[in-house]
């Protein structure tokens, strides 16, 4: 099994998120990108918890190559 995440998408998911707790998919297998749906079961991957204290527009990474997870840093442009 590879230690590298699968590519879940080639563009970030951009939108307004409400304040609250979220779990970002780190394995790339989730069918609910960019959020975890439990597809990492049986792997070494675990979702990354992040919390927003107020509503905020976010660009969440789906390619899983960002250096700033869960946020997109443009790494998908190099795929």
PDB file of N, CA and C in Angstrom:
ATOM      1  N   UNK A   1       0.847  -1.185   0.000  1.00  0.00           N
ATOM      2  CA  UNK A   1       0.000   0.000   0.000  1.00  0.00           C
ATOM      3  C   UNK A   1       0.885   1.237   0.000  1.00  0.00           C
ATOM      4  N   UNK A   2       0.546   2.183  -0.808  1.00  0.00           N
ATOM      5  CA  UNK A   2       1.328   3.408  -0.960  1.00  0.00           C
ATOM      6  C   UNK A   2       1.116   4.352   0.218  1.00  0.00           C
ATOM      7  N   UNK A   3       2.177   5.078   0.561  1.00  0.00           N
ATOM      8  CA  UNK A   3       2.076   6.113   1.587  1.00  0.00           C
ATOM      9  C   UNK A   3       1.634   7.441   0.996  1.00  0.00           C
ATOM     10  N   UNK A   4       1.468   7.473  -0.329  1.00  0.00           N
ATOM     11  CA  UNK A   4       1.039   8.706  -0.989  1.00  0.00           C
ATOM     12  C   UNK A   4      -0.469   8.660  -1.202  1.00  0.00           C
ATOM     13  N   UNK A   5      -1.118   9.764  -0.900  1.00  0.00           N
ATOM     14  CA  UNK A   5      -2.565   9.857  -1.054  1.00  0.00           C
ATOM     15  C   UNK A   5      -2.958   9.784  -2.524  1.00  0.00           C
ATOM     16  N   UNK A   6      -4.127   9.246  -2.768  1.00  0.00           N
ATOM     17  CA  UNK A   6      -4.696   9.263  -4.111  1.00  0.00           C
ATOM     18  C   UNK A   6      -5.120  10.690  -4.436  1.00  0.00           C
ATOM     19  N   UNK A   7      -5.172  11.014  -5.703  1.00  0.00           N
ATOM     20  CA  UNK A   7      -5.634  12.333  -6.125  1.00  0.00           C
ATOM     21  C   UNK A   7      -7.156  12.303  -6.142  1.00  0.00           C
ATOM     22  N   UNK A   8      -7.767  13.077  -5.260  1.00  0.00           N
ATOM     23  CA  UNK A   8      -9.218  13.090  -5.137  1.00  0.00           C
ATOM     24  C   UNK A   8      -9.892  14.023  -6.129  1.00  0.00           C
ATOM     25  N   UNK A   9      -9.126  14.928  -6.714  1.00  0.00           N
ATOM     26  CA  UNK A   9      -9.647  15.890  -7.670  1.00  0.00           C
ATOM     27  C   UNK A   9      -8.517  16.768  -8.170  1.00  0.00           C
ATOM     28  N   UNK A  10      -8.788  17.546  -9.187  1.00  0.00           N
ATOM     29  CA  UNK A  10      -7.741  18.387  -9.761  1.00  0.00           C
ATOM     30  C   UNK A  10      -8.022  19.875  -9.597  1.00  0.00           C
ATOM     31  N   UNK A  11      -9.044  20.210  -8.816  1.00  0.00           N
ATOM     32  CA  UNK A  11      -9.375  21.600  -8.518  1.00  0.00           C
ATOM     33  C   UNK A  11      -9.823  21.681  -7.063  1.00  0.00           C
ATOM     34  N   UNK A  12      -9.578  22.813  -6.428  1.00  0.00           N
ATOM     35  CA  UNK A  12     -10.071  22.953  -5.062  1.00  0.00           C
ATOM     36  C   UNK A  12     -11.592  23.102  -5.037  1.00  0.00           C
ATOM     37  N   UNK A  13     -12.165  22.810  -3.906  1.00  0.00           N
ATOM     38  CA  UNK A  13     -13.579  23.089  -3.667  1.00  0.00           C
ATOM     39  C   UNK A  13     -13.619  24.439  -2.964  1.00  0.00           C
ATOM     40  N   UNK A  14     -14.247  25.414  -3.603  1.00  0.00           N
ATOM     41  CA  UNK A  14     -14.279  26.778  -3.089  1.00  0.00           C
ATOM     42  C   UNK A  14     -15.696  27.115  -2.655  1.00  0.00           C
ATOM     43  N   UNK A  15     -15.816  27.661  -1.469  1.00  0.00           N
ATOM     44  CA  UNK A  15     -17.132  28.058  -1.001  1.00  0.00           C
ATOM     45  C   UNK A  15     -17.090  28.644   0.388  1.00  0.00           C
ATOM     46  N   UNK A  16     -18.200  29.161   0.804  1.00  0.00           N
ATOM     47  CA  UNK A  16     -18.363  29.737   2.133  1.00  0.00           C
ATOM     48  C   UNK A  16     -18.675  28.609   3.109  1.00  0.00           C
ATOM     49  N   UNK A  17     -17.876  28.504   4.157  1.00  0.00           N
ATOM     50  CA  UNK A  17     -18.117  27.507   5.194  1.00  0.00           C
ATOM     51  C   UNK A  17     -18.599  28.203   6.455  1.00  0.00           C
ATOM     52  N   UNK A  18     -19.568  27.600   7.104  1.00  0.00           N
ATOM     53  CA  UNK A  18     -20.064  28.118   8.372  1.00  0.00           C
ATOM     54  C   UNK A  18     -19.049  27.813   9.464  1.00  0.00           C
ATOM     55  N   UNK A  19     -19.120  28.545  10.548  1.00  0.00           N
ATOM     56  CA  UNK A  19     -18.292  28.235  11.703  1.00  0.00           C
ATOM     57  C   UNK A  19     -18.604  26.812  12.136  1.00  0.00           C
ATOM     58  N   UNK A  20     -17.578  26.075  12.522  1.00  0.00           N
ATOM     59  CA  UNK A  20     -17.784  24.708  12.982  1.00  0.00           C
ATOM     60  C   UNK A  20     -16.573  23.834  12.767  1.00  0.00           C
ATOM     61  N   UNK A  21     -16.754  22.561  13.043  1.00  0.00           N
ATOM     62  CA  UNK A  21     -15.703  21.556  12.955  1.00  0.00           C
ATOM     63  C   UNK A  21     -15.867  20.762  11.659  1.00  0.00           C
ATOM     64  N   UNK A  22     -14.754  20.525  10.976  1.00  0.00           N
ATOM     65  CA  UNK A  22     -14.754  19.800   9.713  1.00  0.00           C
ATOM     66  C   UNK A  22     -13.639  18.771   9.724  1.00  0.00           C
ATOM     67  N   UNK A  23     -13.787  17.742   8.887  1.00  0.00           N
ATOM     68  CA  UNK A  23     -12.757  16.717   8.750  1.00  0.00           C
ATOM     69  C   UNK A  23     -12.403  16.583   7.278  1.00  0.00           C
ATOM     70  N   UNK A  24     -11.185  17.018   6.948  1.00  0.00           N
ATOM     71  CA  UNK A  24     -10.673  17.015   5.578  1.00  0.00           C
ATOM     72  C   UNK A  24     -10.092  15.645   5.247  1.00  0.00           C
ATOM     73  N   UNK A  25     -10.470  15.115   4.107  1.00  0.00           N
ATOM     74  CA  UNK A  25      -9.947  13.837   3.624  1.00  0.00           C
ATOM     75  C   UNK A  25      -8.465  13.980   3.303  1.00  0.00           C
ATOM     76  N   UNK A  26      -7.630  13.098   3.831  1.00  0.00           N
ATOM     77  CA  UNK A  26      -6.202  13.105   3.528  1.00  0.00           C
ATOM     78  C   UNK A  26      -5.791  11.963   2.605  1.00  0.00           C
ATOM     79  N   UNK A  27      -6.662  10.972   2.442  1.00  0.00           N
ATOM     80  CA  UNK A  27      -6.300   9.793   1.640  1.00  0.00           C
ATOM     81  C   UNK A  27      -6.627   9.951   0.158  1.00  0.00           C
ATOM     82  N   UNK A  28      -7.569  10.825  -0.165  1.00  0.00           N
ATOM     83  CA  UNK A  28      -7.989  11.028  -1.546  1.00  0.00           C
ATOM     84  C   UNK A  28      -9.069  10.073  -2.009  1.00  0.00           C
ATOM     85  N   UNK A  29      -9.479   9.138  -1.166  1.00  0.00           N
ATOM     86  CA  UNK A  29     -10.468   8.120  -1.553  1.00  0.00           C
ATOM     87  C   UNK A  29     -11.923   8.526  -1.327  1.00  0.00           C
ATOM     88  N   UNK A  30     -12.145   9.545  -0.529  1.00  0.00           N
ATOM     89  CA  UNK A  30     -13.508   9.947  -0.174  1.00  0.00           C
ATOM     90  C   UNK A  30     -14.333  10.271  -1.416  1.00  0.00           C
ATOM     91  N   UNK A  31     -15.571   9.843  -1.416  1.00  0.00           N
ATOM     92  CA  UNK A  31     -16.508  10.186  -2.489  1.00  0.00           C
ATOM     93  C   UNK A  31     -17.190  11.521  -2.183  1.00  0.00           C
ATOM     94  N   UNK A  32     -16.857  12.098  -1.034  1.00  0.00           N
ATOM     95  CA  UNK A  32     -17.436  13.354  -0.585  1.00  0.00           C
ATOM     96  C   UNK A  32     -16.344  14.430  -0.488  1.00  0.00           C
ATOM     97  N   UNK A  33     -15.462  14.487  -1.490  1.00  0.00           N
ATOM     98  CA  UNK A  33     -14.337  15.432  -1.474  1.00  0.00           C
ATOM     99  C   UNK A  33     -14.815  16.851  -1.263  1.00  0.00           C
ATOM    100  N   UNK A  34     -14.131  17.598  -0.456  1.00  0.00           N
ATOM    101  CA  UNK A  34     -12.849  17.371   0.186  1.00  0.00           C
ATOM    102  C   UNK A  34     -12.964  16.803   1.596  1.00  0.00           C
ATOM    103  N   UNK A  35     -14.173  16.367   1.972  1.00  0.00           N
ATOM    104  CA  UNK A  35     -14.418  15.910   3.338  1.00  0.00           C
ATOM    105  C   UNK A  35     -14.269  14.401   3.461  1.00  0.00           C
ATOM    106  N   UNK A  36     -13.916  13.976   4.647  1.00  0.00           N
ATOM    107  CA  UNK A  36     -13.742  12.547   4.931  1.00  0.00           C
ATOM    108  C   UNK A  36     -15.095  11.835   4.954  1.00  0.00           C
ATOM    109  N   UNK A  37     -15.133  10.645   4.353  1.00  0.00           N
ATOM    110  CA  UNK A  37     -16.325   9.794   4.431  1.00  0.00           C
ATOM    111  C   UNK A  37     -15.992   8.420   5.015  1.00  0.00           C
ATOM    112  N   UNK A  38     -14.782   8.288   5.573  1.00  0.00           N
ATOM    113  CA  UNK A  38     -14.375   7.016   6.179  1.00  0.00           C
ATOM    114  C   UNK A  38     -13.681   6.063   5.229  1.00  0.00           C
ATOM    115  N   UNK A  39     -13.459   6.470   3.987  1.00  0.00           N
ATOM    116  CA  UNK A  39     -12.833   5.595   2.994  1.00  0.00           C
ATOM    117  C   UNK A  39     -11.382   5.241   3.313  1.00  0.00           C
ATOM    118  N   UNK A  40     -10.785   5.911   4.278  1.00  0.00           N
ATOM    119  CA  UNK A  40      -9.409   5.631   4.678  1.00  0.00           C
ATOM    120  C   UNK A  40      -9.303   4.358   5.525  1.00  0.00           C
ATOM    121  N   UNK A  41     -10.410   3.774   5.919  1.00  0.00           N
ATOM    122  CA  UNK A  41     -10.390   2.579   6.775  1.00  0.00           C
ATOM    123  C   UNK A  41      -9.471   1.523   6.176  1.00  0.00           C
ATOM    124  N   UNK A  42      -8.610   0.972   6.995  1.00  0.00           N
ATOM    125  CA  UNK A  42      -7.666  -0.049   6.552  1.00  0.00           C
ATOM    126  C   UNK A  42      -6.365   0.513   6.004  1.00  0.00           C
ATOM    127  N   UNK A  43      -6.208   1.832   6.049  1.00  0.00           N
ATOM    128  CA  UNK A  43      -4.977   2.484   5.599  1.00  0.00           C
ATOM    129  C   UNK A  43      -4.319   3.176   6.793  1.00  0.00           C
ATOM    130  N   UNK A  44      -3.184   3.797   6.547  1.00  0.00           N
ATOM    131  CA  UNK A  44      -2.513   4.570   7.593  1.00  0.00           C
ATOM    132  C   UNK A  44      -3.005   6.014   7.631  1.00  0.00           C
ATOM    133  N   UNK A  45      -3.879   6.396   6.716  1.00  0.00           N
ATOM    134  CA  UNK A  45      -4.382   7.762   6.653  1.00  0.00           C
ATOM    135  C   UNK A  45      -5.459   8.010   7.705  1.00  0.00           C
ATOM    136  N   UNK A  46      -5.498   9.240   8.190  1.00  0.00           N
ATOM    137  CA  UNK A  46      -6.534   9.699   9.116  1.00  0.00           C
ATOM    138  C   UNK A  46      -6.989  11.070   8.647  1.00  0.00           C
ATOM    139  N   UNK A  47      -8.259  11.408   8.826  1.00  0.00           N
ATOM    140  CA  UNK A  47      -8.724  12.736   8.414  1.00  0.00           C
ATOM    141  C   UNK A  47      -8.058  13.824   9.244  1.00  0.00           C
ATOM    142  N   UNK A  48      -7.962  14.997   8.660  1.00  0.00           N
ATOM    143  CA  UNK A  48      -7.415  16.157   9.362  1.00  0.00           C
ATOM    144  C   UNK A  48      -8.567  17.024   9.844  1.00  0.00           C
ATOM    145  N   UNK A  49      -8.654  17.162  11.140  1.00  0.00           N
ATOM    146  CA  UNK A  49      -9.692  18.001  11.737  1.00  0.00           C
ATOM    147  C   UNK A  49      -9.275  19.460  11.604  1.00  0.00           C
ATOM    148  N   UNK A  50     -10.241  20.309  11.229  1.00  0.00           N
ATOM    149  CA  UNK A  50     -10.006  21.740  11.279  1.00  0.00           C
ATOM    150  C   UNK A  50     -11.279  22.427  11.723  1.00  0.00           C
ATOM    151  N   UNK A  51     -11.111  23.588  12.334  1.00  0.00           N
ATOM    152  CA  UNK A  51     -12.246  24.295  12.900  1.00  0.00           C
ATOM    153  C   UNK A  51     -12.209  25.758  12.479  1.00  0.00           C
ATOM    154  N   UNK A  52     -13.368  26.262  12.151  1.00  0.00           N
ATOM    155  CA  UNK A  52     -13.524  27.682  11.838  1.00  0.00           C
ATOM    156  C   UNK A  52     -14.333  28.324  12.951  1.00  0.00           C
ATOM    157  N   UNK A  53     -13.849  29.431  13.458  1.00  0.00           N
ATOM    158  CA  UNK A  53     -14.560  30.124  14.539  1.00  0.00           C
ATOM    159  C   UNK A  53     -15.596  31.097  14.011  1.00  0.00           C
ATOM    160  N   UNK A  54     -15.520  31.370  12.705  1.00  0.00           N
ATOM    161  CA  UNK A  54     -16.527  32.223  12.059  1.00  0.00           C
ATOM    162  C   UNK A  54     -16.640  31.785  10.604  1.00  0.00           C
ATOM    163  N   UNK A  55     -17.733  32.170   9.959  1.00  0.00           N
ATOM    164  CA  UNK A  55     -17.934  31.827   8.545  1.00  0.00           C
ATOM    165  C   UNK A  55     -16.786  32.411   7.727  1.00  0.00           C
ATOM    166  N   UNK A  56     -16.359  31.654   6.724  1.00  0.00           N
ATOM    167  CA  UNK A  56     -15.197  32.065   5.942  1.00  0.00           C
ATOM    168  C   UNK A  56     -15.255  31.416   4.567  1.00  0.00           C
ATOM    169  N   UNK A  57     -14.841  32.163   3.540  1.00  0.00           N
ATOM    170  CA  UNK A  57     -14.700  31.580   2.208  1.00  0.00           C
ATOM    171  C   UNK A  57     -13.381  30.825   2.174  1.00  0.00           C
ATOM    172  N   UNK A  58     -13.432  29.560   1.758  1.00  0.00           N
ATOM    173  CA  UNK A  58     -12.256  28.701   1.767  1.00  0.00           C
ATOM    174  C   UNK A  58     -12.097  27.997   0.422  1.00  0.00           C
ATOM    175  N   UNK A  59     -10.859  27.704   0.075  1.00  0.00           N
ATOM    176  CA  UNK A  59     -10.537  26.850  -1.070  1.00  0.00           C
ATOM    177  C   UNK A  59      -9.871  25.613  -0.490  1.00  0.00           C
ATOM    178  N   UNK A  60     -10.602  24.502  -0.468  1.00  0.00           N
ATOM    179  CA  UNK A  60     -10.102  23.270   0.136  1.00  0.00           C
ATOM    180  C   UNK A  60      -9.506  22.354  -0.924  1.00  0.00           C
ATOM    181  N   UNK A  61      -8.345  21.833  -0.631  1.00  0.00           N
ATOM    182  CA  UNK A  61      -7.591  20.985  -1.552  1.00  0.00           C
ATOM    183  C   UNK A  61      -8.293  19.642  -1.786  1.00  0.00           C
ATOM    184  N   UNK A  62      -8.312  19.200  -3.034  1.00  0.00           N
ATOM    185  CA  UNK A  62      -8.787  17.850  -3.353  1.00  0.00           C
ATOM    186  C   UNK A  62      -7.685  16.979  -3.945  1.00  0.00           C
ATOM    187  N   UNK A  63      -6.579  17.593  -4.387  1.00  0.00           N
ATOM    188  CA  UNK A  63      -5.502  16.801  -5.013  1.00  0.00           C
ATOM    189  C   UNK A  63      -4.621  16.119  -3.977  1.00  0.00           C
ATOM    190  N   UNK A  64      -4.681  16.573  -2.745  1.00  0.00           N
ATOM    191  CA  UNK A  64      -3.930  16.014  -1.610  1.00  0.00           C
ATOM    192  C   UNK A  64      -2.426  16.237  -1.724  1.00  0.00           C
ATOM    193  N   UNK A  65      -2.015  17.219  -2.519  1.00  0.00           N
ATOM    194  CA  UNK A  65      -0.595  17.535  -2.667  1.00  0.00           C
ATOM    195  C   UNK A  65      -0.241  18.882  -2.031  1.00  0.00           C
ATOM    196  N   UNK A  66      -1.214  19.535  -1.413  1.00  0.00           N
ATOM    197  CA  UNK A  66      -0.972  20.820  -0.770  1.00  0.00           C
ATOM    198  C   UNK A  66       0.022  20.686   0.383  1.00  0.00           C
ATOM    199  N   UNK A  67       0.786  21.718   0.621  1.00  0.00           N
ATOM    200  CA  UNK A  67       1.675  21.778   1.778  1.00  0.00           C
ATOM    201  C   UNK A  67       0.993  22.508   2.928  1.00  0.00           C
ATOM    202  N   UNK A  68      -0.270  22.901   2.715  1.00  0.00           N
ATOM    203  CA  UNK A  68      -1.000  23.696   3.695  1.00  0.00           C
ATOM    204  C   UNK A  68      -2.400  23.137   3.935  1.00  0.00           C
ATOM    205  N   UNK A  69      -2.509  21.801   4.030  1.00  0.00           N
ATOM    206  CA  UNK A  69      -3.813  21.172   4.207  1.00  0.00           C
ATOM    207  C   UNK A  69      -4.559  21.720   5.401  1.00  0.00           C
ATOM    208  N   UNK A  70      -5.829  21.888   5.267  1.00  0.00           N
ATOM    209  CA  UNK A  70      -6.719  21.445   4.203  1.00  0.00           C
ATOM    210  C   UNK A  70      -6.849  22.430   3.041  1.00  0.00           C
ATOM    211  N   UNK A  71      -6.114  23.522   3.119  1.00  0.00           N
ATOM    212  CA  UNK A  71      -6.297  24.603   2.147  1.00  0.00           C
ATOM    213  C   UNK A  71      -5.461  24.404   0.886  1.00  0.00           C
ATOM    214  N   UNK A  72      -6.027  24.774  -0.238  1.00  0.00           N
ATOM    215  CA  UNK A  72      -5.343  24.681  -1.526  1.00  0.00           C
ATOM    216  C   UNK A  72      -4.170  25.656  -1.565  1.00  0.00           C
ATOM    217  N   UNK A  73      -3.020  25.192  -2.073  1.00  0.00           N
ATOM    218  CA  UNK A  73      -1.879  26.067  -2.276  1.00  0.00           C
ATOM    219  C   UNK A  73      -1.444  26.107  -3.750  1.00  0.00           C
ATOM    220  N   UNK A  74      -2.314  25.580  -4.625  1.00  0.00           N
ATOM    221  CA  UNK A  74      -2.018  25.588  -6.061  1.00  0.00           C
ATOM    222  C   UNK A  74      -1.244  24.376  -6.542  1.00  0.00           C
ATOM    223  N   UNK A  75      -0.983  23.412  -5.678  1.00  0.00           N
ATOM    224  CA  UNK A  75      -0.200  22.227  -6.049  1.00  0.00           C
ATOM    225  C   UNK A  75      -0.845  21.448  -7.198  1.00  0.00           C
ATOM    226  N   UNK A  76      -2.157  21.527  -7.348  1.00  0.00           N
ATOM    227  CA  UNK A  76      -2.859  20.802  -8.420  1.00  0.00           C
ATOM    228  C   UNK A  76      -2.391  21.251  -9.808  1.00  0.00           C
ATOM    229  N   UNK A  77      -1.863  22.450  -9.908  1.00  0.00           N
ATOM    230  CA  UNK A  77      -1.404  22.967 -11.207  1.00  0.00           C
ATOM    231  C   UNK A  77      -0.175  22.205 -11.716  1.00  0.00           C
ATOM    232  N   UNK A  78       0.506  21.498 -10.819  1.00  0.00           N
ATOM    233  CA  UNK A  78       1.711  20.755 -11.192  1.00  0.00           C
ATOM    234  C   UNK A  78       1.433  19.291 -11.519  1.00  0.00           C
ATOM    235  N   UNK A  79       0.180  18.880 -11.437  1.00  0.00           N
ATOM    236  CA  UNK A  79      -0.156  17.462 -11.713  1.00  0.00           C
ATOM    237  C   UNK A  79      -0.150  17.171 -13.196  1.00  0.00           C
TER     238      UNK A  79
END
